[in-house]
């Protein structure tokens, strides 16, 4: 009876989206199996463009939206908001699976659901010790970076262009001014680095929120970090009781977040858009998702995935 009860736990998908509503809708449809789906749409994007599609009752667009900048801290804030919203439902999920709106499954989602339920105490987040890469990741970890806007928007839209330009100049100046000054190491913390995309248990997610609430110095450190989404959550888990239940520390084998991928096929360039020409690579992968695809370039690929990797194996 206990095993049967565990096997029925739903999955919570946390999605960070900023573009391509058509692709997001295709992704959401593919995830609709014993799941709830929580979506953060970048505040710079028009939410109405996304809501033109008929998303089902399992889909929740979260209200706490932030403007996300590439390599900026607001990516972390958006993820924390997704975690918070999912936890507040009180639903007993097996895992929280973090995805991008430009992801797509390459295996039947039912199989991922079963896999996660068979590993309900496992944290699918792997990382390296930043200290193992002093030539690259340690330098990034210690440098000051100002990717988030500093000045708030003004009430008069016509003035926002000037404010935005001034904001960029100030942030660039601060980065240059502090380029020779490295941040002091975090006390009693082993900094960790890994792929942004992971799957963690609700217990681990709740621990992360609690840690954030009780460690304001940790938050301040990462607010001026470069690409903190690749360090923030990994460092918390890597210094927590959940380390022993995670896929954990990996041997450093060179630069590239793709090396630390958990459930995804990720191209080494990080920018490659997968097309039908990449089908064989995806077919032979043991991962569950591909990153990244678009409605404009990946339509043939997605059709082939649906027909050959999902529909034919969905039994």
C-alpha atoms as a PDB file:
ATOM      1  CA  UNK A   1       0.000   0.000   0.000  1.00  0.00           C
ATOM      2  CA  UNK A   2       2.806   2.403   0.858  1.00  0.00           C
ATOM      3  CA  UNK A   3       4.577   1.937  -2.472  1.00  0.00           C
ATOM      4  CA  UNK A   4       1.321   2.449  -4.352  1.00  0.00           C
ATOM      5  CA  UNK A   5       0.736   5.699  -2.477  1.00  0.00           C
ATOM      6  CA  UNK A   6       4.247   6.940  -3.280  1.00  0.00           C
ATOM      7  CA  UNK A   7       3.849   6.072  -6.961  1.00  0.00           C
ATOM      8  CA  UNK A   8       0.875   8.393  -7.238  1.00  0.00           C
ATOM      9  CA  UNK A   9       2.634  11.591  -6.230  1.00  0.00           C
ATOM     10  CA  UNK A  10       2.276  14.244  -8.945  1.00  0.00           C
ATOM     11  CA  UNK A  11       5.120  16.262 -10.410  1.00  0.00           C
ATOM     12  CA  UNK A  12       5.436  20.062 -10.238  1.00  0.00           C
ATOM     13  CA  UNK A  13       7.032  21.657 -13.293  1.00  0.00           C
ATOM     14  CA  UNK A  14       8.484  25.119 -12.749  1.00  0.00           C
ATOM     15  CA  UNK A  15       8.919  26.946 -16.053  1.00  0.00           C
ATOM     16  CA  UNK A  16      10.893  30.121 -16.759  1.00  0.00           C
ATOM     17  CA  UNK A  17       9.531  31.671 -19.966  1.00  0.00           C
ATOM     18  CA  UNK A  18      10.193  34.902 -21.778  1.00  0.00           C
ATOM     19  CA  UNK A  19       9.471  34.274 -25.456  1.00  0.00           C
ATOM     20  CA  UNK A  20       7.749  32.015 -27.996  1.00  0.00           C
ATOM     21  CA  UNK A  21       4.263  31.461 -26.494  1.00  0.00           C
ATOM     22  CA  UNK A  22       3.501  28.852 -29.173  1.00  0.00           C
ATOM     23  CA  UNK A  23       6.442  26.703 -28.082  1.00  0.00           C
ATOM     24  CA  UNK A  24       5.537  27.143 -24.418  1.00  0.00           C
ATOM     25  CA  UNK A  25       2.029  25.902 -25.146  1.00  0.00           C
ATOM     26  CA  UNK A  26       3.419  22.815 -26.926  1.00  0.00           C
ATOM     27  CA  UNK A  27       5.686  22.140 -23.937  1.00  0.00           C
ATOM     28  CA  UNK A  28       2.845  22.482 -21.447  1.00  0.00           C
ATOM     29  CA  UNK A  29       0.647  20.096 -23.434  1.00  0.00           C
ATOM     30  CA  UNK A  30       3.448  17.524 -23.414  1.00  0.00           C
ATOM     31  CA  UNK A  31       3.763  17.766 -19.600  1.00  0.00           C
ATOM     32  CA  UNK A  32       0.076  17.221 -18.878  1.00  0.00           C
ATOM     33  CA  UNK A  33       0.354  13.943 -16.983  1.00  0.00           C
ATOM     34  CA  UNK A  34      -0.306  13.827 -13.225  1.00  0.00           C
ATOM     35  CA  UNK A  35       1.278  17.239 -12.854  1.00  0.00           C
ATOM     36  CA  UNK A  36       0.850  20.877 -11.964  1.00  0.00           C
ATOM     37  CA  UNK A  37       2.668  23.462 -14.032  1.00  0.00           C
ATOM     38  CA  UNK A  38       3.836  26.806 -12.655  1.00  0.00           C
ATOM     39  CA  UNK A  39       5.027  29.439 -15.123  1.00  0.00           C
ATOM     40  CA  UNK A  40       6.986  32.640 -14.596  1.00  0.00           C
ATOM     41  CA  UNK A  41       6.796  34.928 -17.619  1.00  0.00           C
ATOM     42  CA  UNK A  42       9.507  37.577 -17.728  1.00  0.00           C
ATOM     43  CA  UNK A  43       7.936  40.879 -16.726  1.00  0.00           C
ATOM     44  CA  UNK A  44       9.446  42.459 -19.846  1.00  0.00           C
ATOM     45  CA  UNK A  45       7.172  40.213 -21.921  1.00  0.00           C
ATOM     46  CA  UNK A  46       3.470  40.816 -22.550  1.00  0.00           C
ATOM     47  CA  UNK A  47       1.584  38.189 -20.557  1.00  0.00           C
ATOM     48  CA  UNK A  48      -1.454  38.524 -22.813  1.00  0.00           C
ATOM     49  CA  UNK A  49       0.556  37.018 -25.690  1.00  0.00           C
ATOM     50  CA  UNK A  50       0.877  33.829 -23.648  1.00  0.00           C
ATOM     51  CA  UNK A  51      -2.672  33.749 -22.333  1.00  0.00           C
ATOM     52  CA  UNK A  52      -4.084  33.731 -25.865  1.00  0.00           C
ATOM     53  CA  UNK A  53      -3.539  29.984 -25.724  1.00  0.00           C
ATOM     54  CA  UNK A  54      -5.983  27.707 -23.921  1.00  0.00           C
ATOM     55  CA  UNK A  55      -3.885  26.452 -21.036  1.00  0.00           C
ATOM     56  CA  UNK A  56      -5.670  23.911 -18.858  1.00  0.00           C
ATOM     57  CA  UNK A  57      -6.548  24.036 -15.146  1.00  0.00           C
ATOM     58  CA  UNK A  58      -3.239  22.461 -14.126  1.00  0.00           C
ATOM     59  CA  UNK A  59      -1.348  25.509 -15.416  1.00  0.00           C
ATOM     60  CA  UNK A  60      -0.655  28.431 -13.088  1.00  0.00           C
ATOM     61  CA  UNK A  61       0.920  31.691 -14.279  1.00  0.00           C
ATOM     62  CA  UNK A  62       2.470  33.101 -11.112  1.00  0.00           C
ATOM     63  CA  UNK A  63       1.678  36.694 -10.200  1.00  0.00           C
ATOM     64  CA  UNK A  64       5.052  37.604  -8.679  1.00  0.00           C
ATOM     65  CA  UNK A  65       6.908  38.445 -11.890  1.00  0.00           C
ATOM     66  CA  UNK A  66      10.289  40.151 -12.246  1.00  0.00           C
ATOM     67  CA  UNK A  67      12.258  41.518 -15.168  1.00  0.00           C
ATOM     68  CA  UNK A  68      14.924  38.959 -15.955  1.00  0.00           C
ATOM     69  CA  UNK A  69      18.285  40.014 -17.354  1.00  0.00           C
ATOM     70  CA  UNK A  70      20.770  37.615 -18.897  1.00  0.00           C
ATOM     71  CA  UNK A  71      23.200  36.436 -16.180  1.00  0.00           C
ATOM     72  CA  UNK A  72      21.375  38.593 -13.631  1.00  0.00           C
ATOM     73  CA  UNK A  73      20.136  37.850 -10.116  1.00  0.00           C
ATOM     74  CA  UNK A  74      16.478  38.205 -11.058  1.00  0.00           C
ATOM     75  CA  UNK A  75      16.710  34.762 -12.656  1.00  0.00           C
ATOM     76  CA  UNK A  76      17.218  33.446  -9.121  1.00  0.00           C
ATOM     77  CA  UNK A  77      14.353  35.566  -7.799  1.00  0.00           C
ATOM     78  CA  UNK A  78      12.017  34.237 -10.503  1.00  0.00           C
ATOM     79  CA  UNK A  79      12.967  30.660  -9.600  1.00  0.00           C
ATOM     80  CA  UNK A  80      12.458  31.306  -5.884  1.00  0.00           C
ATOM     81  CA  UNK A  81       9.021  32.752  -6.675  1.00  0.00           C
ATOM     82  CA  UNK A  82       8.122  29.595  -8.598  1.00  0.00           C
ATOM     83  CA  UNK A  83       9.255  27.395  -5.696  1.00  0.00           C
ATOM     84  CA  UNK A  84       7.319  29.492  -3.195  1.00  0.00           C
ATOM     85  CA  UNK A  85       4.118  29.356  -5.246  1.00  0.00           C
ATOM     86  CA  UNK A  86       4.341  25.589  -5.732  1.00  0.00           C
ATOM     87  CA  UNK A  87       5.007  24.959  -2.026  1.00  0.00           C
ATOM     88  CA  UNK A  88       2.081  27.157  -0.989  1.00  0.00           C
ATOM     89  CA  UNK A  89      -0.365  24.846  -2.772  1.00  0.00           C
ATOM     90  CA  UNK A  90       0.226  22.254  -0.046  1.00  0.00           C
ATOM     91  CA  UNK A  91       0.226  19.509  -2.681  1.00  0.00           C
ATOM     92  CA  UNK A  92       2.548  16.564  -1.994  1.00  0.00           C
ATOM     93  CA  UNK A  93       4.681  16.490  -5.140  1.00  0.00           C
ATOM     94  CA  UNK A  94       7.469  14.010  -5.756  1.00  0.00           C
ATOM     95  CA  UNK A  95       9.761  16.667  -7.278  1.00  0.00           C
ATOM     96  CA  UNK A  96       9.975  20.217  -8.542  1.00  0.00           C
ATOM     97  CA  UNK A  97      11.402  20.085 -12.083  1.00  0.00           C
ATOM     98  CA  UNK A  98      12.867  23.361 -13.334  1.00  0.00           C
ATOM     99  CA  UNK A  99      12.481  23.938 -17.075  1.00  0.00           C
ATOM    100  CA  UNK A 100      12.837  26.657 -19.657  1.00  0.00           C
ATOM    101  CA  UNK A 101       9.977  27.593 -21.957  1.00  0.00           C
ATOM    102  CA  UNK A 102      12.215  26.438 -24.818  1.00  0.00           C
ATOM    103  CA  UNK A 103      12.529  22.836 -23.564  1.00  0.00           C
ATOM    104  CA  UNK A 104      10.724  19.775 -24.846  1.00  0.00           C
ATOM    105  CA  UNK A 105      10.528  16.164 -23.617  1.00  0.00           C
ATOM    106  CA  UNK A 106      12.266  13.459 -25.664  1.00  0.00           C
ATOM    107  CA  UNK A 107      10.674  10.595 -23.743  1.00  0.00           C
ATOM    108  CA  UNK A 108       7.072   9.989 -22.653  1.00  0.00           C
ATOM    109  CA  UNK A 109       6.450  12.211 -19.656  1.00  0.00           C
ATOM    110  CA  UNK A 110       4.817   9.229 -17.948  1.00  0.00           C
ATOM    111  CA  UNK A 111       8.255   7.597 -17.808  1.00  0.00           C
ATOM    112  CA  UNK A 112       9.755  10.641 -16.119  1.00  0.00           C
ATOM    113  CA  UNK A 113       6.873  10.625 -13.648  1.00  0.00           C
ATOM    114  CA  UNK A 114       7.592   6.980 -12.827  1.00  0.00           C
ATOM    115  CA  UNK A 115      11.332   7.602 -12.596  1.00  0.00           C
ATOM    116  CA  UNK A 116      10.891  10.466 -10.145  1.00  0.00           C
ATOM    117  CA  UNK A 117       8.435   8.497  -8.030  1.00  0.00           C
ATOM    118  CA  UNK A 118      10.912   5.639  -7.844  1.00  0.00           C
ATOM    119  CA  UNK A 119      13.488   8.142  -6.521  1.00  0.00           C
ATOM    120  CA  UNK A 120      11.376  10.264  -4.209  1.00  0.00           C
ATOM    121  CA  UNK A 121      14.219  11.113  -1.838  1.00  0.00           C
ATOM    122  CA  UNK A 122      16.750  11.811  -4.592  1.00  0.00           C
ATOM    123  CA  UNK A 123      17.860  15.322  -5.577  1.00  0.00           C
ATOM    124  CA  UNK A 124      18.767  15.547  -9.250  1.00  0.00           C
ATOM    125  CA  UNK A 125      21.251  18.386  -9.033  1.00  0.00           C
ATOM    126  CA  UNK A 126      24.944  17.871  -9.666  1.00  0.00           C
ATOM    127  CA  UNK A 127      27.826  20.305  -9.365  1.00  0.00           C
ATOM    128  CA  UNK A 128      31.554  20.829  -9.045  1.00  0.00           C
ATOM    129  CA  UNK A 129      33.496  22.632  -6.362  1.00  0.00           C
ATOM    130  CA  UNK A 130      34.205  26.083  -7.755  1.00  0.00           C
ATOM    131  CA  UNK A 131      37.691  25.809  -6.226  1.00  0.00           C
ATOM    132  CA  UNK A 132      38.449  22.984  -8.677  1.00  0.00           C
ATOM    133  CA  UNK A 133      38.358  25.547 -11.511  1.00  0.00           C
ATOM    134  CA  UNK A 134      40.455  28.517 -10.310  1.00  0.00           C
ATOM    135  CA  UNK A 135      41.163  29.515 -13.922  1.00  0.00           C
ATOM    136  CA  UNK A 136      37.523  30.165 -14.757  1.00  0.00           C
ATOM    137  CA  UNK A 137      34.617  29.552 -12.392  1.00  0.00           C
ATOM    138  CA  UNK A 138      36.386  30.755  -9.257  1.00  0.00           C
ATOM    139  CA  UNK A 139      37.236  34.006 -11.048  1.00  0.00           C
ATOM    140  CA  UNK A 140      33.606  34.427 -12.093  1.00  0.00           C
ATOM    141  CA  UNK A 141      32.359  33.574  -8.613  1.00  0.00           C
ATOM    142  CA  UNK A 142      34.581  36.224  -7.003  1.00  0.00           C
ATOM    143  CA  UNK A 143      33.957  39.055  -9.455  1.00  0.00           C
ATOM    144  CA  UNK A 144      31.376  41.832  -9.153  1.00  0.00           C
ATOM    145  CA  UNK A 145      28.644  41.884 -11.785  1.00  0.00           C
ATOM    146  CA  UNK A 146      25.715  44.259 -12.172  1.00  0.00           C
ATOM    147  CA  UNK A 147      23.169  42.756 -14.555  1.00  0.00           C
ATOM    148  CA  UNK A 148      19.976  43.699 -12.719  1.00  0.00           C
ATOM    149  CA  UNK A 149      18.584  47.240 -13.178  1.00  0.00           C
ATOM    150  CA  UNK A 150      19.496  49.550 -10.301  1.00  0.00           C
ATOM    151  CA  UNK A 151      17.023  52.376 -10.875  1.00  0.00           C
ATOM    152  CA  UNK A 152      13.252  51.757 -10.693  1.00  0.00           C
ATOM    153  CA  UNK A 153      11.016  52.652 -13.601  1.00  0.00           C
ATOM    154  CA  UNK A 154       9.512  56.128 -13.488  1.00  0.00           C
ATOM    155  CA  UNK A 155       5.820  56.849 -13.749  1.00  0.00           C
ATOM    156  CA  UNK A 156       6.218  58.797 -16.997  1.00  0.00           C
ATOM    157  CA  UNK A 157       6.868  56.311 -19.842  1.00  0.00           C
ATOM    158  CA  UNK A 158       8.615  58.922 -22.013  1.00  0.00           C
ATOM    159  CA  UNK A 159      11.346  59.279 -19.387  1.00  0.00           C
ATOM    160  CA  UNK A 160      12.011  55.556 -19.069  1.00  0.00           C
ATOM    161  CA  UNK A 161      14.343  55.497 -22.076  1.00  0.00           C
ATOM    162  CA  UNK A 162      16.632  57.999 -20.394  1.00  0.00           C
ATOM    163  CA  UNK A 163      16.442  56.213 -17.064  1.00  0.00           C
ATOM    164  CA  UNK A 164      17.250  52.883 -18.735  1.00  0.00           C
ATOM    165  CA  UNK A 165      20.271  54.365 -20.506  1.00  0.00           C
ATOM    166  CA  UNK A 166      21.544  55.964 -17.297  1.00  0.00           C
ATOM    167  CA  UNK A 167      21.006  52.678 -15.489  1.00  0.00           C
ATOM    168  CA  UNK A 168      23.141  50.806 -18.033  1.00  0.00           C
ATOM    169  CA  UNK A 169      25.918  53.397 -17.812  1.00  0.00           C
ATOM    170  CA  UNK A 170      25.973  53.224 -14.004  1.00  0.00           C
ATOM    171  CA  UNK A 171      26.021  49.408 -13.968  1.00  0.00           C
ATOM    172  CA  UNK A 172      28.791  49.274 -16.562  1.00  0.00           C
ATOM    173  CA  UNK A 173      30.818  51.838 -14.613  1.00  0.00           C
ATOM    174  CA  UNK A 174      30.425  49.905 -11.378  1.00  0.00           C
ATOM    175  CA  UNK A 175      31.567  46.701 -13.060  1.00  0.00           C
ATOM    176  CA  UNK A 176      34.656  48.401 -14.465  1.00  0.00           C
ATOM    177  CA  UNK A 177      35.415  50.212 -11.211  1.00  0.00           C
ATOM    178  CA  UNK A 178      35.274  46.995  -9.193  1.00  0.00           C
ATOM    179  CA  UNK A 179      36.899  44.746 -11.787  1.00  0.00           C
ATOM    180  CA  UNK A 180      40.186  44.683  -9.854  1.00  0.00           C
ATOM    181  CA  UNK A 181      38.522  43.955  -6.527  1.00  0.00           C
ATOM    182  CA  UNK A 182      37.421  40.424  -5.785  1.00  0.00           C
ATOM    183  CA  UNK A 183      34.688  39.495  -3.373  1.00  0.00           C
ATOM    184  CA  UNK A 184      35.747  37.994  -0.070  1.00  0.00           C
ATOM    185  CA  UNK A 185      35.071  34.248   0.095  1.00  0.00           C
ATOM    186  CA  UNK A 186      31.835  33.127   1.695  1.00  0.00           C
ATOM    187  CA  UNK A 187      32.559  32.068   5.281  1.00  0.00           C
ATOM    188  CA  UNK A 188      32.239  28.350   5.996  1.00  0.00           C
ATOM    189  CA  UNK A 189      30.662  27.766   2.584  1.00  0.00           C
ATOM    190  CA  UNK A 190      31.942  25.575  -0.259  1.00  0.00           C
ATOM    191  CA  UNK A 191      30.887  27.366  -3.465  1.00  0.00           C
ATOM    192  CA  UNK A 192      29.395  25.025  -6.057  1.00  0.00           C
ATOM    193  CA  UNK A 193      28.599  25.339  -9.737  1.00  0.00           C
ATOM    194  CA  UNK A 194      26.300  23.365 -12.044  1.00  0.00           C
ATOM    195  CA  UNK A 195      23.545  23.429 -14.644  1.00  0.00           C
ATOM    196  CA  UNK A 196      20.648  25.806 -14.062  1.00  0.00           C
ATOM    197  CA  UNK A 197      18.120  23.036 -14.745  1.00  0.00           C
ATOM    198  CA  UNK A 198      17.449  20.484 -11.988  1.00  0.00           C
ATOM    199  CA  UNK A 199      14.797  18.388 -10.203  1.00  0.00           C
ATOM    200  CA  UNK A 200      14.591  18.626  -6.405  1.00  0.00           C
ATOM    201  CA  UNK A 201      12.212  17.347  -3.747  1.00  0.00           C
ATOM    202  CA  UNK A 202       9.747  19.650  -1.955  1.00  0.00           C
ATOM    203  CA  UNK A 203      11.731  19.103   1.263  1.00  0.00           C
ATOM    204  CA  UNK A 204      14.875  20.385  -0.416  1.00  0.00           C
ATOM    205  CA  UNK A 205      12.949  23.287  -1.962  1.00  0.00           C
ATOM    206  CA  UNK A 206      11.544  24.261   1.446  1.00  0.00           C
ATOM    207  CA  UNK A 207      15.058  24.081   2.906  1.00  0.00           C
ATOM    208  CA  UNK A 208      16.278  26.473   0.196  1.00  0.00           C
ATOM    209  CA  UNK A 209      13.577  29.030   1.010  1.00  0.00           C
ATOM    210  CA  UNK A 210      14.335  28.741   4.722  1.00  0.00           C
ATOM    211  CA  UNK A 211      18.071  29.145   4.097  1.00  0.00           C
ATOM    212  CA  UNK A 212      17.474  32.237   1.971  1.00  0.00           C
ATOM    213  CA  UNK A 213      15.260  33.764   4.647  1.00  0.00           C
ATOM    214  CA  UNK A 214      17.841  33.191   7.385  1.00  0.00           C
ATOM    215  CA  UNK A 215      20.999  34.141   5.476  1.00  0.00           C
ATOM    216  CA  UNK A 216      20.732  37.718   4.135  1.00  0.00           C
ATOM    217  CA  UNK A 217      24.518  37.919   3.649  1.00  0.00           C
ATOM    218  CA  UNK A 218      24.330  34.978   1.261  1.00  0.00           C
ATOM    219  CA  UNK A 219      21.634  36.770  -0.743  1.00  0.00           C
ATOM    220  CA  UNK A 220      23.646  39.982  -0.862  1.00  0.00           C
ATOM    221  CA  UNK A 221      26.694  38.113  -2.150  1.00  0.00           C
ATOM    222  CA  UNK A 222      24.781  36.683  -5.092  1.00  0.00           C
ATOM    223  CA  UNK A 223      22.924  39.871  -5.994  1.00  0.00           C
ATOM    224  CA  UNK A 224      26.120  41.117  -7.639  1.00  0.00           C
ATOM    225  CA  UNK A 225      27.248  37.727  -8.979  1.00  0.00           C
ATOM    226  CA  UNK A 226      27.568  36.795 -12.645  1.00  0.00           C
ATOM    227  CA  UNK A 227      25.099  34.085 -13.771  1.00  0.00           C
ATOM    228  CA  UNK A 228      24.094  33.272 -10.172  1.00  0.00           C
ATOM    229  CA  UNK A 229      21.496  30.725 -11.336  1.00  0.00           C
ATOM    230  CA  UNK A 230      24.432  28.381 -11.976  1.00  0.00           C
ATOM    231  CA  UNK A 231      25.804  28.759  -8.431  1.00  0.00           C
ATOM    232  CA  UNK A 232      23.063  29.849  -6.049  1.00  0.00           C
ATOM    233  CA  UNK A 233      20.928  26.717  -5.629  1.00  0.00           C
ATOM    234  CA  UNK A 234      23.878  24.380  -6.086  1.00  0.00           C
ATOM    235  CA  UNK A 235      25.836  26.052  -3.301  1.00  0.00           C
ATOM    236  CA  UNK A 236      22.897  25.801  -0.900  1.00  0.00           C
ATOM    237  CA  UNK A 237      22.342  22.106  -1.664  1.00  0.00           C
ATOM    238  CA  UNK A 238      26.074  21.367  -1.659  1.00  0.00           C
ATOM    239  CA  UNK A 239      26.350  22.723   1.881  1.00  0.00           C
ATOM    240  CA  UNK A 240      23.166  21.144   3.211  1.00  0.00           C
ATOM    241  CA  UNK A 241      21.931  17.835   4.618  1.00  0.00           C
ATOM    242  CA  UNK A 242      20.553  17.162   1.125  1.00  0.00           C
ATOM    243  CA  UNK A 243      24.037  16.768  -0.340  1.00  0.00           C
ATOM    244  CA  UNK A 244      24.108  13.048   0.463  1.00  0.00           C
ATOM    245  CA  UNK A 245      20.819  12.570  -1.393  1.00  0.00           C
ATOM    246  CA  UNK A 246      21.881  14.551  -4.459  1.00  0.00           C
ATOM    247  CA  UNK A 247      23.776  13.504  -7.558  1.00  0.00           C
ATOM    248  CA  UNK A 248      26.328  15.766  -5.894  1.00  0.00           C
ATOM    249  CA  UNK A 249      29.939  16.647  -6.513  1.00  0.00           C
ATOM    250  CA  UNK A 250      31.372  15.755  -9.898  1.00  0.00           C
ATOM    251  CA  UNK A 251      34.927  15.703 -11.167  1.00  0.00           C
ATOM    252  CA  UNK A 252      35.871  18.915 -12.941  1.00  0.00           C
ATOM    253  CA  UNK A 253      36.388  18.090 -16.606  1.00  0.00           C
ATOM    254  CA  UNK A 254      36.420  21.545 -18.151  1.00  0.00           C
ATOM    255  CA  UNK A 255      34.215  24.536 -18.770  1.00  0.00           C
ATOM    256  CA  UNK A 256      30.585  24.237 -19.795  1.00  0.00           C
ATOM    257  CA  UNK A 257      27.278  23.975 -17.961  1.00  0.00           C
ATOM    258  CA  UNK A 258      26.241  21.218 -20.384  1.00  0.00           C
ATOM    259  CA  UNK A 259      28.643  18.907 -18.543  1.00  0.00           C
ATOM    260  CA  UNK A 260      26.530  19.247 -15.401  1.00  0.00           C
ATOM    261  CA  UNK A 261      23.155  18.615 -17.079  1.00  0.00           C
ATOM    262  CA  UNK A 262      20.750  16.570 -14.980  1.00  0.00           C
ATOM    263  CA  UNK A 263      17.699  15.687 -17.076  1.00  0.00           C
ATOM    264  CA  UNK A 264      18.544  17.632 -20.241  1.00  0.00           C
ATOM    265  CA  UNK A 265      20.411  17.258 -23.486  1.00  0.00           C
ATOM    266  CA  UNK A 266      22.195  20.609 -23.757  1.00  0.00           C
ATOM    267  CA  UNK A 267      24.454  21.597 -26.628  1.00  0.00           C
ATOM    268  CA  UNK A 268      28.011  22.663 -25.651  1.00  0.00           C
ATOM    269  CA  UNK A 269      27.421  26.055 -27.290  1.00  0.00           C
ATOM    270  CA  UNK A 270      24.385  26.604 -24.996  1.00  0.00           C
ATOM    271  CA  UNK A 271      22.790  28.556 -27.863  1.00  0.00           C
ATOM    272  CA  UNK A 272      22.208  25.841 -30.464  1.00  0.00           C
ATOM    273  CA  UNK A 273      18.578  25.440 -31.505  1.00  0.00           C
ATOM    274  CA  UNK A 274      17.854  21.766 -32.135  1.00  0.00           C
ATOM    275  CA  UNK A 275      16.216  20.781 -35.436  1.00  0.00           C
ATOM    276  CA  UNK A 276      15.225  17.541 -37.166  1.00  0.00           C
ATOM    277  CA  UNK A 277      18.884  17.127 -38.169  1.00  0.00           C
ATOM    278  CA  UNK A 278      19.635  16.399 -34.491  1.00  0.00           C
ATOM    279  CA  UNK A 279      16.988  13.716 -34.106  1.00  0.00           C
ATOM    280  CA  UNK A 280      19.352  10.727 -33.912  1.00  0.00           C
ATOM    281  CA  UNK A 281      21.332  12.352 -31.103  1.00  0.00           C
ATOM    282  CA  UNK A 282      18.165  12.849 -29.096  1.00  0.00           C
ATOM    283  CA  UNK A 283      16.862   9.380 -29.910  1.00  0.00           C
ATOM    284  CA  UNK A 284      20.028   7.819 -28.474  1.00  0.00           C
ATOM    285  CA  UNK A 285      20.116   9.966 -25.333  1.00  0.00           C
ATOM    286  CA  UNK A 286      19.209   8.727 -21.864  1.00  0.00           C
ATOM    287  CA  UNK A 287      18.000  12.220 -20.875  1.00  0.00           C
ATOM    288  CA  UNK A 288      14.373  13.319 -20.617  1.00  0.00           C
ATOM    289  CA  UNK A 289      14.438  16.802 -22.191  1.00  0.00           C
ATOM    290  CA  UNK A 290      16.160  18.725 -24.957  1.00  0.00           C
ATOM    291  CA  UNK A 291      17.193  22.353 -24.634  1.00  0.00           C
ATOM    292  CA  UNK A 292      16.528  24.301 -26.731  1.00  0.00           C
ATOM    293  CA  UNK A 293      13.802  24.294 -29.394  1.00  0.00           C
ATOM    294  CA  UNK A 294      11.654  26.987 -30.976  1.00  0.00           C
ATOM    295  CA  UNK A 295       8.361  27.008 -32.852  1.00  0.00           C
ATOM    296  CA  UNK A 296      10.086  28.650 -35.823  1.00  0.00           C
ATOM    297  CA  UNK A 297      13.008  26.229 -36.280  1.00  0.00           C
ATOM    298  CA  UNK A 298      12.092  22.998 -34.508  1.00  0.00           C
ATOM    299  CA  UNK A 299       8.602  22.170 -35.792  1.00  0.00           C
ATOM    300  CA  UNK A 300       9.765  19.130 -37.809  1.00  0.00           C
ATOM    301  CA  UNK A 301      11.868  17.900 -34.901  1.00  0.00           C
ATOM    302  CA  UNK A 302       8.999  18.152 -32.421  1.00  0.00           C
ATOM    303  CA  UNK A 303       6.668  16.297 -34.800  1.00  0.00           C
ATOM    304  CA  UNK A 304       9.244  13.538 -35.131  1.00  0.00           C
ATOM    305  CA  UNK A 305       9.753  13.383 -31.352  1.00  0.00           C
ATOM    306  CA  UNK A 306       5.990  13.157 -30.828  1.00  0.00           C
ATOM    307  CA  UNK A 307       5.592  10.397 -33.404  1.00  0.00           C
ATOM    308  CA  UNK A 308       8.680   8.272 -32.781  1.00  0.00           C
ATOM    309  CA  UNK A 309       9.889   8.922 -29.244  1.00  0.00           C
ATOM    310  CA  UNK A 310       6.715   9.723 -27.363  1.00  0.00           C
ATOM    311  CA  UNK A 311       3.623   8.254 -29.035  1.00  0.00           C
ATOM    312  CA  UNK A 312       5.237   4.943 -30.026  1.00  0.00           C
ATOM    313  CA  UNK A 313       6.751   4.487 -26.560  1.00  0.00           C
ATOM    314  CA  UNK A 314       3.880   5.807 -24.507  1.00  0.00           C
ATOM    315  CA  UNK A 315       2.654   2.468 -23.218  1.00  0.00           C
END
